[in-house]
Amino acid sequence: MRETSQRTRIERHGDVLLHILEVRTRAVAKKRKIVDTPAAANVVRMPTGDGSVVAEFIRYHVLIRVFNGDPDAWLAQLRTNGDPGGDLRFARWIRSRLRQDPALIMSIRAMVDATPFWRAAEA
């Protein structure tokens, strides 16, 4: 049911005061269950990915340190070797963001350079 309107009124019956709320509703059709149809041969199912902050942090480091800020190189490597996690989703998302705002890569580089995470692994 979905509420379409409501009206409030007060009626007095002798010593009794009634506060009346009239609510009008209408029936709502049930949501249809989405049937999972098989994907076409040329469609690649997008992995769900890992949206944790730590995973995103590491992905930014991989983008800068391994692929020198080039998401297309990362996507090519993922196409070749497959994607065990959500790196494909991240690489496509960051590629889209960098196309909209090319200066974003400078902020990402600054963030990666400011964190000693990678330097500790190299030592």
Protein backbone atom coordinates (compact mmCIF):
# COMPACT_ATOMS: atom_id res chain seq x y z
CA MET A 1 0.00 0.00 0.00
CA ARG A 2 1.13 3.55 -0.72
CA GLU A 3 -0.21 6.64 1.02
CA THR A 4 -1.69 9.08 -1.46
CA SER A 5 -3.08 11.75 0.87
CA GLN A 6 -3.99 12.50 4.45
CA ARG A 7 -6.33 14.89 6.19
CA THR A 8 -6.59 15.87 9.83
CA ARG A 9 -9.75 17.16 11.48
CA ILE A 10 -11.09 17.71 14.96
CA GLU A 11 -14.67 16.93 15.97
CA ARG A 12 -16.39 17.78 19.23
CA HIS A 13 -19.13 15.50 20.53
CA GLY A 14 -20.32 17.00 23.80
CA ASP A 15 -17.45 16.74 26.27
CA VAL A 16 -15.43 14.49 23.93
CA LEU A 17 -12.87 15.92 21.55
CA LEU A 18 -11.86 13.61 18.66
CA HIS A 19 -8.67 14.06 16.67
CA ILE A 20 -9.22 12.22 13.39
CA LEU A 21 -6.54 11.43 10.85
CA GLU A 22 -7.84 10.16 7.51
CA VAL A 23 -5.26 8.41 5.37
CA ARG A 24 -5.96 7.46 1.78
CA THR A 25 -3.94 4.66 0.24
CA ARG A 26 -3.74 2.77 -3.00
CA ALA A 27 -2.45 -0.65 -3.88
CA VAL A 28 1.02 -0.85 -5.35
CA ALA A 29 2.07 -3.53 -7.79
CA LYS A 30 4.65 -5.98 -6.49
CA LYS A 31 8.17 -5.45 -7.72
CA ARG A 32 9.04 -7.91 -10.39
CA LYS A 33 11.82 -10.29 -9.60
CA ILE A 34 14.76 -9.72 -11.90
CA VAL A 35 15.58 -12.87 -13.78
CA ASP A 36 19.29 -13.44 -14.23
CA THR A 37 19.60 -13.98 -17.96
CA PRO A 38 22.81 -15.39 -19.39
CA ALA A 39 25.13 -12.68 -20.67
CA ALA A 40 25.91 -12.34 -24.33
CA ALA A 41 29.18 -13.84 -25.52
CA ASN A 42 30.82 -10.41 -25.85
CA VAL A 43 29.83 -9.19 -22.36
CA VAL A 44 32.25 -9.57 -19.47
CA ARG A 45 30.63 -9.83 -16.05
CA MET A 46 31.96 -7.09 -13.76
CA PRO A 47 33.44 -8.50 -10.54
CA THR A 48 31.95 -7.21 -7.31
CA GLY A 49 35.28 -6.06 -5.98
CA ASP A 50 36.52 -5.32 -2.51
CA GLY A 51 35.38 -1.89 -1.40
CA SER A 52 37.42 -1.78 1.79
CA VAL A 53 39.56 1.27 2.49
CA VAL A 54 42.71 -0.83 2.76
CA ALA A 55 42.11 -2.47 -0.63
CA GLU A 56 41.52 0.92 -2.27
CA PHE A 57 44.68 2.29 -0.62
CA ILE A 58 46.76 -0.57 -1.99
CA ARG A 59 45.20 -0.20 -5.44
CA TYR A 60 46.27 3.46 -5.57
CA HIS A 61 49.81 2.36 -4.73
CA VAL A 62 49.73 -0.32 -7.43
CA LEU A 63 48.44 2.20 -9.97
CA ILE A 64 51.33 4.57 -9.28
CA ARG A 65 54.21 2.24 -8.35
CA VAL A 66 53.58 -0.66 -10.73
CA PHE A 67 51.78 0.95 -13.67
CA ASN A 68 53.18 4.51 -13.36
CA GLY A 69 49.68 5.99 -13.19
CA ASP A 70 48.47 4.32 -16.41
CA PRO A 71 45.14 2.54 -15.86
CA ASP A 72 45.12 1.30 -19.48
CA ALA A 73 48.33 -0.65 -18.83
CA TRP A 74 46.72 -2.14 -15.73
CA LEU A 75 43.60 -3.10 -17.69
CA ALA A 76 45.75 -4.75 -20.38
CA GLN A 77 47.55 -6.77 -17.70
CA LEU A 78 44.21 -7.78 -16.15
CA ARG A 79 42.89 -8.89 -19.54
CA THR A 80 45.99 -11.04 -20.02
CA ASN A 81 46.21 -12.59 -16.55
CA GLY A 82 42.65 -12.32 -15.30
CA ASP A 83 41.30 -10.52 -12.27
CA PRO A 84 41.19 -12.51 -9.04
CA GLY A 85 39.76 -9.57 -7.06
CA GLY A 86 38.06 -6.27 -7.78
CA ASP A 87 41.00 -4.66 -9.54
CA LEU A 88 39.14 -4.57 -12.86
CA ARG A 89 36.32 -2.49 -11.40
CA PHE A 90 38.80 -0.11 -9.76
CA ALA A 91 40.96 0.26 -12.90
CA ARG A 92 37.93 1.06 -15.05
CA TRP A 93 36.61 3.50 -12.47
CA ILE A 94 39.94 5.32 -12.08
CA ARG A 95 40.40 5.45 -15.86
CA SER A 96 37.01 7.13 -16.15
CA ARG A 97 37.87 9.60 -13.37
CA LEU A 98 41.24 10.44 -14.94
CA ARG A 99 39.58 11.10 -18.29
CA GLN A 100 37.25 13.57 -16.58
CA ASP A 101 39.98 15.17 -14.47
CA PRO A 102 43.53 14.57 -15.75
CA ALA A 103 45.00 16.57 -12.85
CA LEU A 104 43.72 13.94 -10.41
CA ILE A 105 46.78 11.78 -11.05
CA MET A 106 48.93 14.48 -9.41
CA SER A 107 46.89 14.24 -6.20
CA ILE A 108 47.09 10.45 -6.26
CA ARG A 109 50.88 10.58 -6.76
CA ALA A 110 51.22 13.02 -3.86
CA MET A 111 49.17 10.72 -1.60
CA VAL A 112 51.21 7.67 -2.59
CA ASP A 113 54.52 9.50 -2.16
CA ALA A 114 53.44 10.78 1.26
CA THR A 115 52.83 7.27 2.62
CA PRO A 116 55.81 5.09 3.52
CA PHE A 117 53.93 1.89 2.70
CA TRP A 118 55.86 0.99 -0.45
CA ARG A 119 59.27 2.10 0.80
CA ALA A 120 58.98 -0.27 3.78
CA ALA A 121 58.33 -3.19 1.41
CA GLU A 122 61.37 -2.32 -0.74
CA ALA A 123 63.79 -2.27 2.24
